[in-house]
């Protein structure tokens, strides 16, 4: 996952439309306070159980109690 300040990785577990991450490994490099706050909000969503919803053309919406981010696939 590419966060506003850091990046990390975790195993992903899927059960139907439910999505959960295993242990998330993210280094803790300091950034500007606004980017760190945004990162904390994203991590709050990712570290709790989520429901997935595909939205055309290539987005994935994660519905969770901590928020609802829209993810967009990017080619590397």
PDB file of N, CA and C in Angstrom:
ATOM      1  N   UNK A   1       0.844  -1.164   0.000  1.00  0.00           N
ATOM      2  CA  UNK A   1       0.000   0.000   0.000  1.00  0.00           C
ATOM      3  C   UNK A   1       0.896   1.235   0.000  1.00  0.00           C
ATOM      4  N   UNK A   2       0.542   2.218  -0.850  1.00  0.00           N
ATOM      5  CA  UNK A   2       1.249   3.491  -0.867  1.00  0.00           C
ATOM      6  C   UNK A   2       0.424   4.479  -0.061  1.00  0.00           C
ATOM      7  N   UNK A   3       0.972   4.903   1.044  1.00  0.00           N
ATOM      8  CA  UNK A   3       0.296   5.829   1.951  1.00  0.00           C
ATOM      9  C   UNK A   3       0.753   7.252   1.662  1.00  0.00           C
ATOM     10  N   UNK A   4       0.120   8.259   2.259  1.00  0.00           N
ATOM     11  CA  UNK A   4       0.527   9.644   2.012  1.00  0.00           C
ATOM     12  C   UNK A   4       1.983   9.933   2.374  1.00  0.00           C
ATOM     13  N   UNK A   5       2.550   9.175   3.298  1.00  0.00           N
ATOM     14  CA  UNK A   5       3.912   9.429   3.731  1.00  0.00           C
ATOM     15  C   UNK A   5       4.807   8.204   3.542  1.00  0.00           C
ATOM     16  N   UNK A   6       4.350   7.050   3.900  1.00  0.00           N
ATOM     17  CA  UNK A   6       5.119   5.809   3.850  1.00  0.00           C
ATOM     18  C   UNK A   6       4.458   4.816   2.900  1.00  0.00           C
ATOM     19  N   UNK A   7       5.073   3.657   2.786  1.00  0.00           N
ATOM     20  CA  UNK A   7       4.453   2.553   2.058  1.00  0.00           C
ATOM     21  C   UNK A   7       4.671   1.291   2.880  1.00  0.00           C
ATOM     22  N   UNK A   8       3.841   0.296   2.637  1.00  0.00           N
ATOM     23  CA  UNK A   8       3.949  -0.928   3.411  1.00  0.00           C
ATOM     24  C   UNK A   8       3.306  -2.082   2.689  1.00  0.00           C
ATOM     25  N   UNK A   9       3.293  -3.227   3.363  1.00  0.00           N
ATOM     26  CA  UNK A   9       2.700  -4.414   2.749  1.00  0.00           C
ATOM     27  C   UNK A   9       2.069  -5.289   3.824  1.00  0.00           C
ATOM     28  N   UNK A  10       1.127  -6.110   3.375  1.00  0.00           N
ATOM     29  CA  UNK A  10       0.432  -7.032   4.271  1.00  0.00           C
ATOM     30  C   UNK A  10      -0.236  -8.105   3.428  1.00  0.00           C
ATOM     31  N   UNK A  11      -0.412  -9.292   3.987  1.00  0.00           N
ATOM     32  CA  UNK A  11      -1.221 -10.291   3.289  1.00  0.00           C
ATOM     33  C   UNK A  11      -2.688  -9.841   3.298  1.00  0.00           C
ATOM     34  N   UNK A  12      -3.410 -10.193   2.244  1.00  0.00           N
ATOM     35  CA  UNK A  12      -4.815  -9.819   2.113  1.00  0.00           C
ATOM     36  C   UNK A  12      -5.655 -11.091   2.171  1.00  0.00           C
ATOM     37  N   UNK A  13      -6.731 -11.048   2.937  1.00  0.00           N
ATOM     38  CA  UNK A  13      -7.648 -12.174   3.066  1.00  0.00           C
ATOM     39  C   UNK A  13      -9.026 -11.736   2.597  1.00  0.00           C
ATOM     40  N   UNK A  14      -9.623 -12.556   1.728  1.00  0.00           N
ATOM     41  CA  UNK A  14     -10.941 -12.235   1.181  1.00  0.00           C
ATOM     42  C   UNK A  14     -11.904 -13.352   1.508  1.00  0.00           C
ATOM     43  N   UNK A  15     -13.124 -12.960   1.924  1.00  0.00           N
ATOM     44  CA  UNK A  15     -14.204 -13.897   2.173  1.00  0.00           C
ATOM     45  C   UNK A  15     -15.455 -13.268   1.580  1.00  0.00           C
ATOM     46  N   UNK A  16     -15.796 -13.659   0.350  1.00  0.00           N
ATOM     47  CA  UNK A  16     -16.917 -13.023  -0.345  1.00  0.00           C
ATOM     48  C   UNK A  16     -16.581 -11.578  -0.632  1.00  0.00           C
ATOM     49  N   UNK A  17     -17.418 -10.656  -0.149  1.00  0.00           N
ATOM     50  CA  UNK A  17     -17.139  -9.237  -0.359  1.00  0.00           C
ATOM     51  C   UNK A  17     -16.406  -8.618   0.826  1.00  0.00           C
ATOM     52  N   UNK A  18     -16.005  -9.441   1.785  1.00  0.00           N
ATOM     53  CA  UNK A  18     -15.274  -8.959   2.963  1.00  0.00           C
ATOM     54  C   UNK A  18     -13.778  -9.040   2.689  1.00  0.00           C
ATOM     55  N   UNK A  19     -13.053  -8.036   3.142  1.00  0.00           N
ATOM     56  CA  UNK A  19     -11.618  -7.955   2.932  1.00  0.00           C
ATOM     57  C   UNK A  19     -10.952  -7.619   4.251  1.00  0.00           C
ATOM     58  N   UNK A  20      -9.880  -8.321   4.563  1.00  0.00           N
ATOM     59  CA  UNK A  20      -9.125  -8.037   5.779  1.00  0.00           C
ATOM     60  C   UNK A  20      -7.640  -8.135   5.466  1.00  0.00           C
ATOM     61  N   UNK A  21      -6.853  -7.332   6.141  1.00  0.00           N
ATOM     62  CA  UNK A  21      -5.409  -7.382   6.005  1.00  0.00           C
ATOM     63  C   UNK A  21      -4.822  -8.125   7.187  1.00  0.00           C
ATOM     64  N   UNK A  22      -3.746  -8.858   6.914  1.00  0.00           N
ATOM     65  CA  UNK A  22      -2.988  -9.469   7.987  1.00  0.00           C
ATOM     66  C   UNK A  22      -2.109  -8.398   8.624  1.00  0.00           C
ATOM     67  N   UNK A  23      -1.048  -8.815   9.234  1.00  0.00           N
ATOM     68  CA  UNK A  23      -0.141  -7.884   9.902  1.00  0.00           C
ATOM     69  C   UNK A  23       0.452  -6.907   8.882  1.00  0.00           C
ATOM     70  N   UNK A  24       0.178  -5.637   9.062  1.00  0.00           N
ATOM     71  CA  UNK A  24       0.622  -4.593   8.138  1.00  0.00           C
ATOM     72  C   UNK A  24       1.996  -4.085   8.558  1.00  0.00           C
ATOM     73  N   UNK A  25       2.963  -4.203   7.658  1.00  0.00           N
ATOM     74  CA  UNK A  25       4.324  -3.738   7.924  1.00  0.00           C
ATOM     75  C   UNK A  25       4.533  -2.398   7.240  1.00  0.00           C
ATOM     76  N   UNK A  26       4.662  -1.339   8.045  1.00  0.00           N
ATOM     77  CA  UNK A  26       4.858   0.014   7.521  1.00  0.00           C
ATOM     78  C   UNK A  26       5.976   0.677   8.321  1.00  0.00           C
ATOM     79  N   UNK A  27       7.021   1.152   7.648  1.00  0.00           N
ATOM     80  CA  UNK A  27       8.044   1.891   8.389  1.00  0.00           C
ATOM     81  C   UNK A  27       7.459   3.210   8.884  1.00  0.00           C
ATOM     82  N   UNK A  28       8.017   3.751   9.918  1.00  0.00           N
ATOM     83  CA  UNK A  28       7.494   4.995  10.476  1.00  0.00           C
ATOM     84  C   UNK A  28       8.457   6.144  10.224  1.00  0.00           C
ATOM     85  N   UNK A  29       8.422   6.652   8.994  1.00  0.00           N
ATOM     86  CA  UNK A  29       9.225   7.820   8.654  1.00  0.00           C
ATOM     87  C   UNK A  29       8.366   9.053   8.881  1.00  0.00           C
ATOM     88  N   UNK A  30       8.937  10.057   9.462  1.00  0.00           N
ATOM     89  CA  UNK A  30       8.191  11.280   9.766  1.00  0.00           C
ATOM     90  C   UNK A  30       8.002  12.123   8.514  1.00  0.00           C
ATOM     91  N   UNK A  31       6.833  12.726   8.414  1.00  0.00           N
ATOM     92  CA  UNK A  31       6.501  13.645   7.324  1.00  0.00           C
ATOM     93  C   UNK A  31       5.815  14.856   7.933  1.00  0.00           C
ATOM     94  N   UNK A  32       5.323  15.728   7.069  1.00  0.00           N
ATOM     95  CA  UNK A  32       4.595  16.902   7.532  1.00  0.00           C
ATOM     96  C   UNK A  32       3.353  16.444   8.305  1.00  0.00           C
ATOM     97  N   UNK A  33       2.934  17.217   9.308  1.00  0.00           N
ATOM     98  CA  UNK A  33       1.791  16.811  10.145  1.00  0.00           C
ATOM     99  C   UNK A  33       0.521  16.497   9.363  1.00  0.00           C
ATOM    100  N   UNK A  34       0.209  17.249   8.308  1.00  0.00           N
ATOM    101  CA  UNK A  34      -1.017  16.973   7.555  1.00  0.00           C
ATOM    102  C   UNK A  34      -0.936  15.634   6.820  1.00  0.00           C
ATOM    103  N   UNK A  35       0.232  15.285   6.299  1.00  0.00           N
ATOM    104  CA  UNK A  35       0.398  13.992   5.631  1.00  0.00           C
ATOM    105  C   UNK A  35       0.361  12.848   6.642  1.00  0.00           C
ATOM    106  N   UNK A  36       0.929  13.064   7.816  1.00  0.00           N
ATOM    107  CA  UNK A  36       0.884  12.031   8.858  1.00  0.00           C
ATOM    108  C   UNK A  36      -0.548  11.794   9.326  1.00  0.00           C
ATOM    109  N   UNK A  37      -1.339  12.870   9.430  1.00  0.00           N
ATOM    110  CA  UNK A  37      -2.742  12.734   9.831  1.00  0.00           C
ATOM    111  C   UNK A  37      -3.534  11.976   8.766  1.00  0.00           C
ATOM    112  N   UNK A  38      -3.278  12.279   7.492  1.00  0.00           N
ATOM    113  CA  UNK A  38      -3.957  11.568   6.408  1.00  0.00           C
ATOM    114  C   UNK A  38      -3.575  10.092   6.420  1.00  0.00           C
ATOM    115  N   UNK A  39      -2.311   9.814   6.681  1.00  0.00           N
ATOM    116  CA  UNK A  39      -1.857   8.429   6.746  1.00  0.00           C
ATOM    117  C   UNK A  39      -2.542   7.680   7.890  1.00  0.00           C
ATOM    118  N   UNK A  40      -2.687   8.318   9.024  1.00  0.00           N
ATOM    119  CA  UNK A  40      -3.357   7.696  10.166  1.00  0.00           C
ATOM    120  C   UNK A  40      -4.805   7.359   9.823  1.00  0.00           C
ATOM    121  N   UNK A  41      -5.480   8.229   9.066  1.00  0.00           N
ATOM    122  CA  UNK A  41      -6.869   7.963   8.673  1.00  0.00           C
ATOM    123  C   UNK A  41      -6.939   6.753   7.734  1.00  0.00           C
ATOM    124  N   UNK A  42      -6.007   6.669   6.786  1.00  0.00           N
ATOM    125  CA  UNK A  42      -5.989   5.537   5.859  1.00  0.00           C
ATOM    126  C   UNK A  42      -5.706   4.240   6.616  1.00  0.00           C
ATOM    127  N   UNK A  43      -4.729   4.263   7.514  1.00  0.00           N
ATOM    128  CA  UNK A  43      -4.400   3.066   8.288  1.00  0.00           C
ATOM    129  C   UNK A  43      -5.564   2.618   9.166  1.00  0.00           C
ATOM    130  N   UNK A  44      -6.334   3.570   9.684  1.00  0.00           N
ATOM    131  CA  UNK A  44      -7.500   3.226  10.496  1.00  0.00           C
ATOM    132  C   UNK A  44      -8.505   2.424   9.681  1.00  0.00           C
ATOM    133  N   UNK A  45      -8.680   2.784   8.407  1.00  0.00           N
ATOM    134  CA  UNK A  45      -9.596   2.043   7.538  1.00  0.00           C
ATOM    135  C   UNK A  45      -9.021   0.669   7.213  1.00  0.00           C
ATOM    136  N   UNK A  46      -7.738   0.628   6.844  1.00  0.00           N
ATOM    137  CA  UNK A  46      -7.133  -0.616   6.384  1.00  0.00           C
ATOM    138  C   UNK A  46      -6.972  -1.667   7.474  1.00  0.00           C
ATOM    139  N   UNK A  47      -6.820  -1.255   8.702  1.00  0.00           N
ATOM    140  CA  UNK A  47      -6.559  -2.223   9.764  1.00  0.00           C
ATOM    141  C   UNK A  47      -7.823  -2.767  10.414  1.00  0.00           C
ATOM    142  N   UNK A  48      -8.968  -2.339   9.937  1.00  0.00           N
ATOM    143  CA  UNK A  48     -10.248  -2.888  10.410  1.00  0.00           C
ATOM    144  C   UNK A  48     -10.890  -3.653   9.263  1.00  0.00           C
ATOM    145  N   UNK A  49     -11.846  -4.485   9.554  1.00  0.00           N
ATOM    146  CA  UNK A  49     -12.545  -5.231   8.507  1.00  0.00           C
ATOM    147  C   UNK A  49     -13.255  -4.297   7.551  1.00  0.00           C
ATOM    148  N   UNK A  50     -13.279  -4.671   6.290  1.00  0.00           N
ATOM    149  CA  UNK A  50     -13.878  -3.829   5.251  1.00  0.00           C
ATOM    150  C   UNK A  50     -14.765  -4.664   4.344  1.00  0.00           C
ATOM    151  N   UNK A  51     -15.671  -4.009   3.675  1.00  0.00           N
ATOM    152  CA  UNK A  51     -16.450  -4.613   2.608  1.00  0.00           C
ATOM    153  C   UNK A  51     -15.989  -3.979   1.307  1.00  0.00           C
ATOM    154  N   UNK A  52     -15.829  -4.809   0.266  1.00  0.00           N
ATOM    155  CA  UNK A  52     -15.363  -4.322  -1.030  1.00  0.00           C
ATOM    156  C   UNK A  52     -16.537  -4.065  -1.955  1.00  0.00           C
ATOM    157  N   UNK A  53     -16.371  -3.060  -2.791  1.00  0.00           N
ATOM    158  CA  UNK A  53     -17.361  -2.753  -3.823  1.00  0.00           C
ATOM    159  C   UNK A  53     -16.604  -2.288  -5.057  1.00  0.00           C
ATOM    160  N   UNK A  54     -16.776  -2.991  -6.177  1.00  0.00           N
ATOM    161  CA  UNK A  54     -16.126  -2.572  -7.416  1.00  0.00           C
ATOM    162  C   UNK A  54     -16.916  -1.440  -8.042  1.00  0.00           C
ATOM    163  N   UNK A  55     -16.198  -0.409  -8.477  1.00  0.00           N
ATOM    164  CA  UNK A  55     -16.836   0.722  -9.144  1.00  0.00           C
ATOM    165  C   UNK A  55     -16.114   0.950 -10.464  1.00  0.00           C
ATOM    166  N   UNK A  56     -16.843   0.935 -11.580  1.00  0.00           N
ATOM    167  CA  UNK A  56     -16.214   1.072 -12.889  1.00  0.00           C
ATOM    168  C   UNK A  56     -15.483   2.401 -13.026  1.00  0.00           C
ATOM    169  N   UNK A  57     -14.474   2.493 -13.869  1.00  0.00           N
ATOM    170  CA  UNK A  57     -13.960   1.391 -14.679  1.00  0.00           C
ATOM    171  C   UNK A  57     -12.913   0.548 -13.946  1.00  0.00           C
ATOM    172  N   UNK A  58     -12.157   1.116 -13.030  1.00  0.00           N
ATOM    173  CA  UNK A  58     -11.083   0.331 -12.410  1.00  0.00           C
ATOM    174  C   UNK A  58     -10.836   0.754 -10.964  1.00  0.00           C
ATOM    175  N   UNK A  59     -11.920   0.980 -10.232  1.00  0.00           N
ATOM    176  CA  UNK A  59     -11.784   1.399  -8.847  1.00  0.00           C
ATOM    177  C   UNK A  59     -12.330   0.347  -7.898  1.00  0.00           C
ATOM    178  N   UNK A  60     -11.813   0.387  -6.690  1.00  0.00           N
ATOM    179  CA  UNK A  60     -12.278  -0.484  -5.622  1.00  0.00           C
ATOM    180  C   UNK A  60     -12.611   0.414  -4.440  1.00  0.00           C
ATOM    181  N   UNK A  61     -13.841   0.348  -3.996  1.00  0.00           N
ATOM    182  CA  UNK A  61     -14.266   1.126  -2.830  1.00  0.00           C
ATOM    183  C   UNK A  61     -14.241   0.205  -1.624  1.00  0.00           C
ATOM    184  N   UNK A  62     -13.614   0.691  -0.543  1.00  0.00           N
ATOM    185  CA  UNK A  62     -13.554  -0.060   0.704  1.00  0.00           C
ATOM    186  C   UNK A  62     -14.507   0.588   1.694  1.00  0.00           C
ATOM    187  N   UNK A  63     -15.534  -0.133   2.084  1.00  0.00           N
ATOM    188  CA  UNK A  63     -16.521   0.382   3.014  1.00  0.00           C
ATOM    189  C   UNK A  63     -16.197  -0.139   4.404  1.00  0.00           C
ATOM    190  N   UNK A  64     -15.911   0.772   5.313  1.00  0.00           N
ATOM    191  CA  UNK A  64     -15.557   0.365   6.663  1.00  0.00           C
ATOM    192  C   UNK A  64     -16.041   1.370   7.682  1.00  0.00           C
ATOM    193  N   UNK A  65     -16.016   0.971   8.941  1.00  0.00           N
ATOM    194  CA  UNK A  65     -16.504   1.851  10.000  1.00  0.00           C
ATOM    195  C   UNK A  65     -15.632   3.088  10.179  1.00  0.00           C
ATOM    196  N   UNK A  66     -14.366   3.029   9.746  1.00  0.00           N
ATOM    197  CA  UNK A  66     -13.462   4.176   9.902  1.00  0.00           C
ATOM    198  C   UNK A  66     -13.442   5.078   8.677  1.00  0.00           C
ATOM    199  N   UNK A  67     -14.152   4.709   7.603  1.00  0.00           N
ATOM    200  CA  UNK A  67     -14.179   5.536   6.400  1.00  0.00           C
ATOM    201  C   UNK A  67     -14.423   4.701   5.163  1.00  0.00           C
ATOM    202  N   UNK A  68     -14.494   5.378   4.021  1.00  0.00           N
ATOM    203  CA  UNK A  68     -14.785   4.719   2.753  1.00  0.00           C
ATOM    204  C   UNK A  68     -13.868   5.274   1.667  1.00  0.00           C
ATOM    205  N   UNK A  69     -12.630   4.771   1.582  1.00  0.00           N
ATOM    206  CA  UNK A  69     -11.743   5.260   0.519  1.00  0.00           C
ATOM    207  C   UNK A  69     -12.027   4.568  -0.806  1.00  0.00           C
ATOM    208  N   UNK A  70     -11.754   5.274  -1.895  1.00  0.00           N
ATOM    209  CA  UNK A  70     -11.802   4.716  -3.236  1.00  0.00           C
ATOM    210  C   UNK A  70     -10.369   4.495  -3.691  1.00  0.00           C
ATOM    211  N   UNK A  71     -10.060   3.265  -4.092  1.00  0.00           N
ATOM    212  CA  UNK A  71      -8.725   2.938  -4.562  1.00  0.00           C
ATOM    213  C   UNK A  71      -8.751   2.831  -6.078  1.00  0.00           C
ATOM    214  N   UNK A  72      -7.700   3.318  -6.728  1.00  0.00           N
ATOM    215  CA  UNK A  72      -7.601   3.276  -8.176  1.00  0.00           C
ATOM    216  C   UNK A  72      -6.366   2.472  -8.556  1.00  0.00           C
ATOM    217  N   UNK A  73      -6.548   1.523  -9.448  1.00  0.00           N
ATOM    218  CA  UNK A  73      -5.418   0.697  -9.893  1.00  0.00           C
ATOM    219  C   UNK A  73      -4.475   1.536 -10.727  1.00  0.00           C
ATOM    220  N   UNK A  74      -3.194   1.412 -10.438  1.00  0.00           N
ATOM    221  CA  UNK A  74      -2.171   2.121 -11.195  1.00  0.00           C
ATOM    222  C   UNK A  74      -1.174   1.106 -11.738  1.00  0.00           C
ATOM    223  N   UNK A  75      -0.848   1.252 -12.996  1.00  0.00           N
ATOM    224  CA  UNK A  75       0.153   0.373 -13.603  1.00  0.00           C
ATOM    225  C   UNK A  75       1.532   0.814 -13.167  1.00  0.00           C
ATOM    226  N   UNK A  76       2.380  -0.136 -12.932  1.00  0.00           N
ATOM    227  CA  UNK A  76       3.765   0.189 -12.541  1.00  0.00           C
ATOM    228  C   UNK A  76       4.673   0.116 -13.725  1.00  0.00           C
TER     229      UNK A  76
END
